[in-house]
Amino acid sequence: MSDTLWWQHGIVYQIYPRSFQDSNGDGIGDLEGIRRRLDHLLWLGVEALWISPIYPSPMADFGYDIADYCGISPIFGTLEDFDRLLAEAHGRGLKVILDFVPNHTSDQHPWFRESRASRDNPKRDWYLWRDPAPDGGPPNNWLANFGGSGWTFDEATGQYYYHAFLKEQPDLNWRNPEVRRAMLDVLRFWLDRGVDGFRVDVIWLLIKDEQFRDNPPNPAWQPHQAGIDRLLQRYSADRPEIHDVVAEMRGVLDTYPERVLIGEIYLPLERLVAYYGRDMRGAHLPFNFQLVFAAWSAREIARIVAEYEAALPEGGWPNWVLSNHDQKRIATRVGAAGARLAAMLLLTLRGTPTLYYGDELGLENVPIPPDRVQDPWEKNEPGLGFGRDPARTPMPWDASAKAGFTTGKPWLPINPDHATRNVAVLAGDDRSILTLYRRLVALRQARRALSVGRYEKAHVEGDVFAFRRHAEGEAPLLVALNFGKAPQRVAMPEGARLLVSTGLDRGEGLFDGLLGPEEGVIVELA
């Protein structure tokens, strides 16, 4: 793989640190816990771990409200713990990616405390302050992502400040050169420690309209949708100037060898691919979330892949995601058999896959009793299904009472089927979804066709989506995925040889083209 970079041929594994492994019995995962579980990542075969925010924070939004960009929250450990984790990961050949949250800070960050101290404070312009509207209300109609207005009035100084999320998360003013310099220095702080890259939170929100114009109403909004969707985010997101900011971040990373910049971007495809930047000087990987929201059918998945491949700019490297800390788990969306099919899809499409912790177990969303709800979005807009806690529950490692995650009370409930759905049990089952993930990862590593090869000859036959992957010097591979609930036969070239099926219930050998319900296969062509 010497002709490709690690983030191109490798697999990224996302860890939500509160839920991966607790090492001190407080019921919350930590850095030492991640260090102790590195063997699982090696055994699985991934190349990189991405850790969601671990910085000092009041935890109004569980780490996405940062009070110090250059430290570690005591909940997770110390800088020394981080350095030890980083060194051990590197020593085992694993890369480490951190979350970077540049759109907003905590309202407890020293910068914001200074900013709100007075209208003439030197850091006043580090945030977005505006006078009230003539009626005394908010300056414009912008909404917050977790419900309600995006503006909060500050009695002491008589102005409103803007927050795209909670009022405890004031937005930084990225039009201010001092803010840019300070935040780029944060990147350098972690890069100098040896971090291999960043996933940049809500990167498309960083620049707001200079005139603070009202957002237009969304004519398609329905009452079951989130409040934020009442308006089209025309002036509070995805402004043209954002691409200059992304290019500046990329410029910092490019002064270090083989670092990766990943952007969290929820935008339509034609706007998403713009984040690769002019002359490919933007994000290396603008996150592609299309599979997260796709209708689960052969024709729809084939359409998504085709349109994405066609939209990629020359030199743009693709990437795919099934689940993350903000969305429903894939097994909840498509069922147990569908989750196995999704694993094969994720690990055979062209581009970098990101695997969310627990998906390798077929973990589903866990019901959260009302008295255990933690997520501020669920608390602000209850009962609409926006709560993210169900997809953030502890990783089940074994069949013990606390699933091997903690000796204390876990911060969120453990999956009720953890006695049978855990790493120890599934690792010992040669037909489990965990074994399937491991087999697929190993095959992807062994065959350049799957990791960096061409994607070609895709087609749909009934409920089957099939495509080929090919690399010079290797036999071509055919991937066939039956999204239907009934068996289906697909045309197979003579001599086609089965390498792996999603059920792990077939031996290797000649394949006749008959797929079971919701079964996928990888076949080597003669």
Protein backbone atom coordinates (compact mmCIF):
# COMPACT_ATOMS: atom_id res chain seq x y z
CA MET A 1 0.00 0.00 0.00
CA SER A 2 3.06 2.27 -0.23
CA ASP A 3 1.50 4.26 -3.08
CA THR A 4 -1.47 5.33 -0.94
CA LEU A 5 -1.76 7.13 2.38
CA TRP A 6 -2.93 5.37 5.54
CA TRP A 7 -6.21 7.29 5.58
CA GLN A 8 -6.95 6.13 2.04
CA HIS A 9 -6.40 2.39 2.42
CA GLY A 10 -7.16 2.22 6.15
CA ILE A 11 -10.31 1.93 8.24
CA VAL A 12 -11.23 4.55 10.87
CA TYR A 13 -12.88 3.36 14.10
CA GLN A 14 -14.88 5.98 16.03
CA ILE A 15 -14.77 5.80 19.82
CA TYR A 16 -17.26 7.71 21.96
CA PRO A 17 -14.96 7.94 24.98
CA ARG A 18 -17.63 8.06 27.70
CA SER A 19 -18.86 4.66 26.54
CA PHE A 20 -15.87 2.60 25.44
CA GLN A 21 -14.18 1.44 28.67
CA ASP A 22 -14.18 2.76 32.23
CA SER A 23 -10.94 2.15 34.14
CA ASN A 24 -11.71 3.78 37.52
CA GLY A 25 -15.23 2.67 38.41
CA ASP A 26 -17.03 5.98 37.98
CA GLY A 27 -19.25 4.58 35.22
CA ILE A 28 -17.76 6.81 32.53
CA GLY A 29 -15.24 5.63 29.94
CA ASP A 30 -11.80 7.24 29.91
CA LEU A 31 -8.44 7.37 28.14
CA GLU A 32 -6.90 4.62 30.25
CA GLY A 33 -9.87 2.45 29.31
CA ILE A 34 -9.24 3.06 25.62
CA ARG A 35 -5.56 2.21 26.11
CA ARG A 36 -6.47 -1.10 27.75
CA ARG A 37 -8.73 -2.00 24.82
CA LEU A 38 -6.30 -1.25 21.98
CA ASP A 39 -5.93 -5.00 21.48
CA HIS A 40 -9.55 -5.13 20.30
CA LEU A 41 -8.78 -2.62 17.54
CA LEU A 42 -5.69 -4.55 16.50
CA TRP A 43 -7.62 -7.83 16.50
CA LEU A 44 -10.38 -6.23 14.44
CA GLY A 45 -7.80 -4.90 11.99
CA VAL A 46 -8.58 -1.16 11.82
CA GLU A 47 -5.84 1.38 11.12
CA ALA A 48 -6.99 4.43 13.09
CA LEU A 49 -9.08 5.41 16.08
CA TRP A 50 -11.02 8.66 16.15
CA ILE A 51 -11.86 9.83 19.67
CA SER A 52 -14.83 12.14 20.23
CA PRO A 53 -14.07 15.22 22.43
CA ILE A 54 -11.98 14.68 25.55
CA TYR A 55 -11.20 18.30 26.47
CA PRO A 56 -12.08 20.12 29.72
CA SER A 57 -15.78 20.88 29.57
CA PRO A 58 -18.79 21.59 31.80
CA MET A 59 -20.42 18.77 29.75
CA ALA A 60 -23.57 20.70 28.84
CA ASP A 61 -23.28 18.87 25.51
CA PHE A 62 -20.95 16.08 26.67
CA GLY A 63 -17.66 17.54 25.54
CA TYR A 64 -18.80 19.61 22.58
CA ASP A 65 -18.80 22.65 24.89
CA ILE A 66 -15.07 23.12 25.39
CA ALA A 67 -13.55 25.23 28.17
CA ASP A 68 -9.90 24.55 27.24
CA TYR A 69 -8.80 23.34 23.81
CA CYS A 70 -5.34 22.33 25.01
CA GLY A 71 -6.15 20.09 27.95
CA ILE A 72 -7.90 16.87 28.94
CA SER A 73 -11.05 16.70 31.05
CA PRO A 74 -10.39 15.07 34.44
CA ILE A 75 -13.35 12.81 33.63
CA PHE A 76 -11.19 11.22 30.93
CA GLY A 77 -7.76 11.52 32.56
CA THR A 78 -4.75 13.77 32.09
CA LEU A 79 -2.47 14.95 29.31
CA GLU A 80 -0.02 12.31 30.50
CA ASP A 81 -2.73 9.67 30.04
CA PHE A 82 -3.33 10.96 26.53
CA ASP A 83 0.36 10.93 25.68
CA ARG A 84 0.62 7.35 26.94
CA LEU A 85 -2.38 6.29 24.86
CA LEU A 86 -0.96 8.02 21.80
CA ALA A 87 2.45 6.42 22.24
CA GLU A 88 1.01 2.93 22.73
CA ALA A 89 -1.32 3.33 19.75
CA HIS A 90 1.56 4.45 17.56
CA GLY A 91 3.71 1.65 18.90
CA ARG A 92 1.10 -0.82 17.65
CA GLY A 93 0.77 0.82 14.27
CA LEU A 94 -2.49 2.65 15.02
CA LYS A 95 -3.15 6.27 14.07
CA VAL A 96 -5.05 8.61 16.42
CA ILE A 97 -7.55 11.24 15.21
CA LEU A 98 -9.00 13.84 17.57
CA ASP A 99 -12.22 15.82 17.40
CA PHE A 100 -11.73 19.53 16.78
CA VAL A 101 -14.73 21.70 17.73
CA PRO A 102 -14.03 25.16 16.29
CA ASN A 103 -17.53 26.56 15.77
CA HIS A 104 -18.24 27.28 19.44
CA THR A 105 -16.72 27.15 22.89
CA SER A 106 -18.26 26.63 26.31
CA ASP A 107 -19.69 29.72 27.93
CA GLN A 108 -17.17 28.88 30.68
CA HIS A 109 -14.18 29.26 28.33
CA PRO A 110 -11.93 32.15 29.46
CA TRP A 111 -12.37 33.74 26.02
CA PHE A 112 -16.13 34.00 26.42
CA ARG A 113 -15.91 35.14 30.01
CA GLU A 114 -13.76 38.01 28.80
CA SER A 115 -16.01 38.64 25.80
CA ARG A 116 -19.14 39.06 27.90
CA ALA A 117 -17.40 41.16 30.57
CA SER A 118 -18.05 44.42 28.69
CA ARG A 119 -18.80 45.77 25.24
CA ASP A 120 -15.28 47.20 24.93
CA ASN A 121 -13.42 44.08 26.07
CA PRO A 122 -10.66 43.14 23.58
CA LYS A 123 -12.31 39.75 23.12
CA ARG A 124 -15.81 41.11 22.55
CA ASP A 125 -15.47 40.52 18.79
CA TRP A 126 -14.29 36.94 19.30
CA TYR A 127 -17.97 35.99 19.49
CA LEU A 128 -21.15 37.06 17.67
CA TRP A 129 -22.74 39.89 19.62
CA ARG A 130 -25.63 41.98 18.23
CA ASP A 131 -27.98 44.65 19.45
CA PRO A 132 -31.61 43.67 20.03
CA ALA A 133 -34.17 44.14 17.26
CA PRO A 134 -36.27 47.34 17.49
CA ASP A 135 -38.86 45.45 19.53
CA GLY A 136 -36.17 44.27 21.97
CA GLY A 137 -36.21 40.72 20.66
CA PRO A 138 -33.46 38.70 18.99
CA PRO A 139 -31.46 40.37 16.17
CA ASN A 140 -32.81 37.96 13.54
CA ASN A 141 -34.77 34.70 13.21
CA TRP A 142 -31.89 32.24 13.37
CA LEU A 143 -32.69 29.08 15.33
CA ALA A 144 -30.59 26.76 17.48
CA ASN A 145 -30.03 23.14 16.46
CA PHE A 146 -31.30 21.82 19.78
CA GLY A 147 -34.51 23.87 19.82
CA GLY A 148 -35.52 27.48 20.32
CA SER A 149 -33.87 30.71 19.25
CA GLY A 150 -30.19 30.83 18.41
CA TRP A 151 -29.87 34.07 20.39
CA THR A 152 -29.53 34.59 24.14
CA PHE A 153 -29.79 38.02 25.78
CA ASP A 154 -27.00 39.12 28.12
CA GLU A 155 -28.49 41.44 30.73
CA ALA A 156 -25.14 42.88 31.83
CA THR A 157 -24.14 44.26 28.43
CA GLY A 158 -27.56 44.63 26.77
CA GLN A 159 -26.77 42.57 23.68
CA TYR A 160 -27.56 39.11 22.34
CA TYR A 161 -24.96 36.46 21.52
CA TYR A 162 -25.49 33.77 18.91
CA HIS A 163 -25.22 30.03 19.54
CA ALA A 164 -25.95 27.46 16.83
CA PHE A 165 -26.51 24.88 19.58
CA LEU A 166 -27.08 25.35 23.33
CA LYS A 167 -26.91 28.75 25.01
CA GLU A 168 -23.92 27.28 26.88
CA GLN A 169 -22.15 26.99 23.48
CA PRO A 170 -21.57 30.51 22.11
CA ASP A 171 -20.33 30.63 18.52
CA LEU A 172 -16.90 32.01 17.75
CA ASN A 173 -16.49 34.78 15.18
CA TRP A 174 -14.40 33.17 12.47
CA ARG A 175 -14.27 36.45 10.55
CA ASN A 176 -11.94 37.72 13.29
CA PRO A 177 -8.26 37.07 12.35
CA GLU A 178 -7.30 36.72 16.03
CA VAL A 179 -9.82 33.89 16.45
CA ARG A 180 -8.43 32.13 13.39
CA ARG A 181 -4.86 32.40 14.65
CA ALA A 182 -5.79 31.12 18.10
CA MET A 183 -7.70 28.14 16.72
CA LEU A 184 -5.01 27.21 14.21
CA ASP A 185 -2.56 27.26 17.11
CA VAL A 186 -4.80 24.67 18.81
CA LEU A 187 -4.28 22.39 15.83
CA ARG A 188 -0.53 22.87 16.08
CA PHE A 189 -0.58 22.07 19.80
CA TRP A 190 -2.00 18.61 19.16
CA LEU A 191 -0.09 18.01 15.94
CA ASP A 192 3.15 18.72 17.81
CA ARG A 193 2.15 16.03 20.32
CA GLY A 194 1.87 13.57 17.46
CA VAL A 195 -1.85 13.46 16.66
CA ASP A 196 -2.47 12.07 13.16
CA GLY A 197 -5.42 14.23 12.18
CA PHE A 198 -8.72 15.81 13.11
CA ARG A 199 -12.40 15.31 12.53
CA VAL A 200 -13.71 18.89 12.47
CA ASP A 201 -17.13 19.31 14.08
CA VAL A 202 -19.87 21.13 12.08
CA ILE A 203 -17.28 22.61 9.76
CA TRP A 204 -19.94 24.01 7.40
CA LEU A 205 -21.32 26.29 10.14
CA LEU A 206 -18.17 28.27 10.91
CA ILE A 207 -18.88 31.42 8.87
CA LYS A 208 -22.17 33.33 9.15
CA ASP A 209 -23.68 35.97 6.92
CA GLU A 210 -21.93 39.29 7.46
CA GLN A 211 -25.26 41.15 7.34
CA PHE A 212 -27.05 38.69 9.67
CA ARG A 213 -30.02 38.44 7.31
CA ASP A 214 -33.09 36.40 8.30
CA ASN A 215 -33.21 32.81 7.12
CA PRO A 216 -36.14 32.05 4.78
CA PRO A 217 -38.91 29.69 5.91
CA ASN A 218 -38.76 26.06 4.82
CA PRO A 219 -41.98 25.34 2.91
CA ALA A 220 -41.46 21.59 3.31
CA TRP A 221 -41.23 21.61 7.14
CA GLN A 222 -43.52 19.19 8.99
CA PRO A 223 -44.38 19.20 12.75
CA HIS A 224 -42.56 15.90 13.33
CA GLN A 225 -39.30 17.50 12.18
CA ALA A 226 -36.81 19.33 14.38
CA GLY A 227 -37.42 22.99 15.11
CA ILE A 228 -34.20 23.98 13.34
CA ASP A 229 -35.73 22.72 10.08
CA ARG A 230 -38.49 25.35 10.16
CA LEU A 231 -36.04 27.61 8.33
CA LEU A 232 -33.60 27.09 5.46
CA GLN A 233 -30.13 27.78 6.86
CA ARG A 234 -29.17 30.06 3.99
CA TYR A 235 -27.42 32.73 6.01
CA SER A 236 -26.23 30.82 9.09
CA ALA A 237 -24.43 27.93 7.34
CA ASP A 238 -22.35 26.98 4.29
CA ARG A 239 -21.35 30.54 3.42
CA PRO A 240 -18.87 30.94 0.52
CA GLU A 241 -16.09 32.23 2.77
CA ILE A 242 -15.96 28.96 4.69
CA HIS A 243 -13.74 27.43 2.04
CA ASP A 244 -10.97 29.90 2.86
CA VAL A 245 -11.14 28.80 6.49
CA VAL A 246 -10.96 25.10 5.59
CA ALA A 247 -7.98 25.82 3.33
CA GLU A 248 -6.21 27.53 6.25
CA MET A 249 -6.76 24.46 8.44
CA ARG A 250 -5.50 22.22 5.67
CA GLY A 251 -2.46 24.45 5.28
CA VAL A 252 -1.54 23.84 8.92
CA LEU A 253 -1.89 20.05 8.57
CA ASP A 254 0.15 20.04 5.38
CA THR A 255 3.21 21.24 7.30
CA TYR A 256 3.18 17.87 9.09
CA PRO A 257 3.63 14.53 7.28
CA GLU A 258 0.63 12.32 6.45
CA ARG A 259 -1.99 14.08 8.57
CA VAL A 260 -5.69 13.93 7.69
CA LEU A 261 -8.43 16.58 7.84
CA ILE A 262 -11.98 15.21 8.02
CA GLY A 263 -14.97 17.54 7.93
CA GLU A 264 -18.38 16.88 9.47
CA ILE A 265 -20.77 18.21 6.83
CA TYR A 266 -24.49 17.56 6.52
CA LEU A 267 -25.20 19.04 3.10
CA PRO A 268 -26.58 17.94 -0.27
CA LEU A 269 -24.04 16.18 -2.46
CA GLU A 270 -23.25 19.05 -4.81
CA ARG A 271 -22.43 21.31 -1.85
CA LEU A 272 -20.65 18.59 0.12
CA VAL A 273 -18.02 17.91 -2.55
CA ALA A 274 -17.11 21.61 -2.63
CA TYR A 275 -15.37 21.00 0.71
CA TYR A 276 -12.56 19.14 -1.04
CA GLY A 277 -11.57 22.69 -1.83
CA ARG A 278 -10.12 24.57 -4.75
CA ASP A 279 -7.28 22.53 -6.24
CA MET A 280 -7.99 19.87 -3.60
CA ARG A 281 -6.75 22.16 -0.82
CA GLY A 282 -9.73 21.65 1.49
CA ALA A 283 -10.70 18.69 3.65
CA HIS A 284 -9.12 15.38 2.69
CA LEU A 285 -12.41 13.67 3.60
CA PRO A 286 -15.64 15.68 3.72
CA PHE A 287 -17.76 13.15 5.60
CA ASN A 288 -20.25 11.40 3.31
CA PHE A 289 -23.35 10.52 5.36
CA GLN A 290 -25.59 9.37 2.52
CA LEU A 291 -25.79 5.76 3.74
CA VAL A 292 -26.94 7.01 7.16
CA PHE A 293 -30.16 8.37 5.64
CA ALA A 294 -30.62 6.11 2.61
CA ALA A 295 -33.74 4.11 1.88
CA TRP A 296 -32.53 0.52 2.24
CA SER A 297 -32.99 -0.89 -1.26
CA ALA A 298 -30.69 -2.07 -4.03
CA ARG A 299 -31.84 0.58 -6.47
CA GLU A 300 -31.51 3.46 -4.02
CA ILE A 301 -28.08 2.40 -2.75
CA ALA A 302 -26.85 1.92 -6.33
CA ARG A 303 -28.12 5.39 -7.23
CA ILE A 304 -26.38 6.97 -4.24
CA VAL A 305 -23.06 5.32 -5.02
CA ALA A 306 -23.24 6.24 -8.71
CA GLU A 307 -24.08 9.88 -8.03
CA TYR A 308 -21.38 10.20 -5.39
CA GLU A 309 -18.71 8.67 -7.61
CA ALA A 310 -19.75 10.99 -10.44
CA ALA A 311 -19.73 14.09 -8.22
CA LEU A 312 -16.26 13.56 -6.76
CA PRO A 313 -13.78 16.13 -8.07
CA GLU A 314 -10.67 14.83 -9.81
CA GLY A 315 -8.33 13.59 -7.08
CA GLY A 316 -11.07 13.54 -4.44
CA TRP A 317 -10.95 10.44 -2.26
CA PRO A 318 -14.36 8.97 -1.30
CA ASN A 319 -15.50 7.90 2.16
CA TRP A 320 -18.53 6.12 3.66
CA VAL A 321 -20.26 6.07 7.05
CA LEU A 322 -23.10 3.87 8.40
CA SER A 323 -23.55 5.22 11.95
CA ASN A 324 -22.12 7.73 14.39
CA HIS A 325 -22.72 9.28 17.80
CA ASP A 326 -25.49 11.56 16.46
CA GLN A 327 -27.53 9.04 14.44
CA LYS A 328 -29.44 5.81 14.93
CA ARG A 329 -27.33 2.68 14.82
CA ILE A 330 -27.38 0.80 11.54
CA ALA A 331 -28.79 -2.40 13.12
CA THR A 332 -31.77 -0.41 14.42
CA ARG A 333 -32.41 1.08 11.01
CA VAL A 334 -32.12 -2.08 8.88
CA GLY A 335 -32.36 -5.07 11.26
CA ALA A 336 -29.92 -7.84 12.12
CA ALA A 337 -29.58 -9.34 8.64
CA GLY A 338 -29.46 -5.88 7.10
CA ALA A 339 -26.63 -4.92 9.47
CA ARG A 340 -24.53 -7.78 8.11
CA LEU A 341 -25.28 -6.67 4.56
CA ALA A 342 -24.38 -3.11 5.53
CA ALA A 343 -21.03 -4.30 6.90
CA MET A 344 -20.17 -5.86 3.55
CA LEU A 345 -21.32 -2.74 1.70
CA LEU A 346 -19.26 -0.41 3.91
CA LEU A 347 -16.08 -2.45 3.61
CA THR A 348 -16.24 -3.08 -0.14
CA LEU A 349 -17.17 0.32 -1.58
CA ARG A 350 -14.33 2.46 -2.90
CA GLY A 351 -13.04 4.88 -0.29
CA THR A 352 -12.31 5.18 3.41
CA PRO A 353 -14.83 3.50 5.73
CA THR A 354 -15.56 4.81 9.22
CA LEU A 355 -16.82 2.19 11.67
CA TYR A 356 -18.74 3.29 14.79
CA TYR A 357 -17.86 1.40 17.98
CA GLY A 358 -20.36 -1.37 18.69
CA ASP A 359 -21.56 -1.70 15.11
CA GLU A 360 -19.21 -4.66 14.77
CA LEU A 361 -21.42 -6.35 17.39
CA GLY A 362 -24.67 -5.51 15.63
CA LEU A 363 -25.45 -3.29 18.61
CA GLU A 364 -28.86 -1.63 18.40
CA ASN A 365 -30.16 1.60 19.90
CA VAL A 366 -30.79 1.03 23.62
CA PRO A 367 -34.05 2.33 25.13
CA ILE A 368 -33.36 5.04 27.71
CA PRO A 369 -35.83 5.44 30.61
CA PRO A 370 -36.96 9.06 31.10
CA ASP A 371 -35.03 9.36 34.37
CA ARG A 372 -31.78 8.26 32.65
CA VAL A 373 -31.94 10.70 29.70
CA GLN A 374 -28.71 12.68 29.36
CA ASP A 375 -28.88 14.26 25.90
CA PRO A 376 -29.81 17.98 25.97
CA TRP A 377 -31.52 17.73 22.57
CA GLU A 378 -33.95 15.11 23.90
CA LYS A 379 -34.55 17.30 26.96
CA ASN A 380 -35.22 20.39 24.83
CA GLU A 381 -37.41 18.68 22.21
CA PRO A 382 -38.69 15.57 23.99
CA GLY A 383 -40.62 12.75 22.40
CA LEU A 384 -39.71 13.48 18.77
CA GLY A 385 -37.01 10.84 18.53
CA PHE A 386 -34.04 13.20 18.36
CA GLY A 387 -32.35 11.85 21.49
CA ARG A 388 -28.82 10.59 20.82
CA ASP A 389 -28.33 8.64 24.03
CA PRO A 390 -29.65 5.34 22.55
CA ALA A 391 -26.69 5.23 20.13
CA ARG A 392 -24.10 6.20 22.78
CA THR A 393 -24.51 3.39 25.31
CA PRO A 394 -21.58 1.46 26.81
CA MET A 395 -19.60 -1.06 24.79
CA PRO A 396 -20.44 -4.58 26.03
CA TRP A 397 -17.21 -6.54 26.44
CA ASP A 398 -18.42 -9.65 28.25
CA ALA A 399 -21.46 -11.32 29.85
CA SER A 400 -20.86 -9.99 33.38
CA ALA A 401 -23.43 -7.76 35.10
CA LYS A 402 -21.76 -4.52 33.97
CA ALA A 403 -20.68 -6.03 30.61
CA GLY A 404 -17.00 -5.57 31.47
CA PHE A 405 -17.43 -1.82 30.88
CA THR A 406 -17.30 -0.63 34.49
CA THR A 407 -17.38 -1.73 38.10
CA GLY A 408 -19.68 1.20 38.96
CA LYS A 409 -23.02 2.41 37.64
CA PRO A 410 -22.73 2.98 33.89
CA TRP A 411 -23.57 6.54 32.81
CA LEU A 412 -26.13 5.15 30.34
CA PRO A 413 -27.90 1.77 30.41
CA ILE A 414 -26.12 -1.23 28.91
CA ASN A 415 -27.81 -3.05 26.02
CA PRO A 416 -30.35 -5.48 27.52
CA ASP A 417 -29.03 -8.39 25.42
CA HIS A 418 -25.44 -7.87 26.56
CA ALA A 419 -25.22 -11.38 28.03
CA THR A 420 -25.20 -12.73 24.47
CA ARG A 421 -24.23 -9.63 22.48
CA ASN A 422 -20.75 -8.79 23.67
CA VAL A 423 -17.20 -8.99 22.36
CA ALA A 424 -16.20 -12.13 24.27
CA VAL A 425 -19.21 -14.19 23.16
CA LEU A 426 -19.28 -13.02 19.55
CA ALA A 427 -15.53 -13.39 19.09
CA GLY A 428 -15.94 -17.07 19.92
CA ASP A 429 -18.75 -17.56 17.41
CA ASP A 430 -17.40 -18.30 13.93
CA ARG A 431 -20.65 -17.09 12.32
CA SER A 432 -21.26 -13.92 14.37
CA ILE A 433 -21.43 -10.43 12.93
CA LEU A 434 -18.18 -9.64 14.79
CA THR A 435 -16.46 -12.52 13.02
CA LEU A 436 -17.94 -11.25 9.74
CA TYR A 437 -16.48 -7.78 10.32
CA ARG A 438 -13.10 -9.28 11.09
CA ARG A 439 -13.22 -11.48 7.96
CA LEU A 440 -14.21 -8.51 5.80
CA VAL A 441 -11.48 -6.30 7.24
CA ALA A 442 -8.88 -9.01 6.68
CA LEU A 443 -10.02 -9.54 3.09
CA ARG A 444 -9.96 -5.80 2.48
CA GLN A 445 -6.38 -5.66 3.74
CA ALA A 446 -5.33 -8.66 1.66
CA ARG A 447 -6.87 -7.44 -1.61
CA ARG A 448 -5.91 -4.06 -2.99
CA ALA A 449 -9.00 -4.31 -5.16
CA LEU A 450 -11.17 -3.72 -2.06
CA SER A 451 -9.10 -1.01 -0.41
CA VAL A 452 -7.81 1.16 -3.26
CA GLY A 453 -8.94 -0.58 -6.45
CA ARG A 454 -11.33 0.67 -9.11
CA TYR A 455 -15.09 0.59 -8.66
CA GLU A 456 -16.72 -0.57 -11.89
CA LYS A 457 -19.55 -2.37 -13.70
CA ALA A 458 -22.19 -1.68 -11.06
CA HIS A 459 -25.73 -2.76 -11.81
CA VAL A 460 -29.03 -3.76 -10.19
CA GLU A 461 -30.85 -7.05 -10.80
CA GLY A 462 -34.16 -7.02 -8.97
CA ASP A 463 -33.25 -6.59 -5.29
CA VAL A 464 -29.55 -7.24 -5.89
CA PHE A 465 -26.94 -4.50 -6.12
CA ALA A 466 -23.73 -5.84 -7.66
CA PHE A 467 -20.44 -4.18 -8.52
CA ARG A 468 -16.84 -5.09 -9.28
CA ARG A 469 -13.62 -4.00 -7.65
CA HIS A 470 -10.35 -4.38 -9.52
CA ALA A 471 -6.68 -3.64 -8.98
CA GLU A 472 -3.80 -4.29 -11.37
CA GLY A 473 -2.13 -7.64 -10.80
CA GLU A 474 -5.11 -9.14 -8.94
CA ALA A 475 -8.13 -11.16 -9.96
CA PRO A 476 -11.22 -8.90 -10.08
CA LEU A 477 -13.78 -9.24 -7.31
CA LEU A 478 -17.57 -9.14 -7.61
CA VAL A 479 -19.70 -7.96 -4.69
CA ALA A 480 -23.39 -8.93 -4.84
CA LEU A 481 -25.81 -7.72 -2.16
CA ASN A 482 -29.41 -8.95 -1.97
CA PHE A 483 -31.52 -6.31 -0.23
CA GLY A 484 -34.68 -8.37 -0.69
CA LYS A 485 -36.48 -10.70 1.70
CA ALA A 486 -36.54 -13.55 -0.83
CA PRO A 487 -33.76 -15.59 -2.48
CA GLN A 488 -32.56 -14.30 -5.82
CA ARG A 489 -30.27 -15.73 -8.46
CA VAL A 490 -27.88 -13.43 -10.28
CA ALA A 491 -25.81 -14.10 -13.35
CA MET A 492 -22.30 -15.27 -12.52
CA PRO A 493 -19.36 -15.61 -14.90
CA GLU A 494 -18.04 -19.13 -15.27
CA GLY A 495 -15.48 -20.04 -12.64
CA ALA A 496 -16.70 -17.47 -10.08
CA ARG A 497 -15.35 -18.49 -6.67
CA LEU A 498 -16.95 -17.52 -3.37
CA LEU A 499 -14.63 -15.87 -0.86
CA VAL A 500 -17.05 -14.84 1.89
CA SER A 501 -20.80 -14.55 2.49
CA THR A 502 -22.56 -12.38 5.06
CA GLY A 503 -23.98 -15.47 6.79
CA LEU A 504 -20.55 -17.12 7.07
CA ASP A 505 -22.43 -20.37 6.45
CA ARG A 506 -20.94 -21.26 3.07
CA GLY A 507 -17.60 -22.78 2.32
CA GLU A 508 -15.25 -21.27 -0.22
CA GLY A 509 -15.61 -22.67 -3.73
CA LEU A 510 -17.50 -22.22 -6.98
CA PHE A 511 -20.55 -19.97 -6.65
CA ASP A 512 -23.71 -20.56 -8.66
CA GLY A 513 -25.23 -17.10 -8.18
CA LEU A 514 -28.04 -18.02 -5.77
CA LEU A 515 -28.28 -15.45 -2.96
CA GLY A 516 -30.35 -16.02 0.16
CA PRO A 517 -32.64 -13.34 1.66
CA GLU A 518 -30.59 -10.27 2.68
CA GLU A 519 -27.38 -12.11 1.85
CA GLY A 520 -24.25 -10.60 0.39
CA VAL A 521 -21.25 -12.31 -1.15
CA ILE A 522 -17.77 -11.43 -2.35
CA VAL A 523 -16.74 -13.54 -5.31
CA GLU A 524 -13.40 -13.85 -7.08
CA LEU A 525 -13.70 -13.87 -10.85
CA ALA A 526 -11.53 -16.04 -13.06
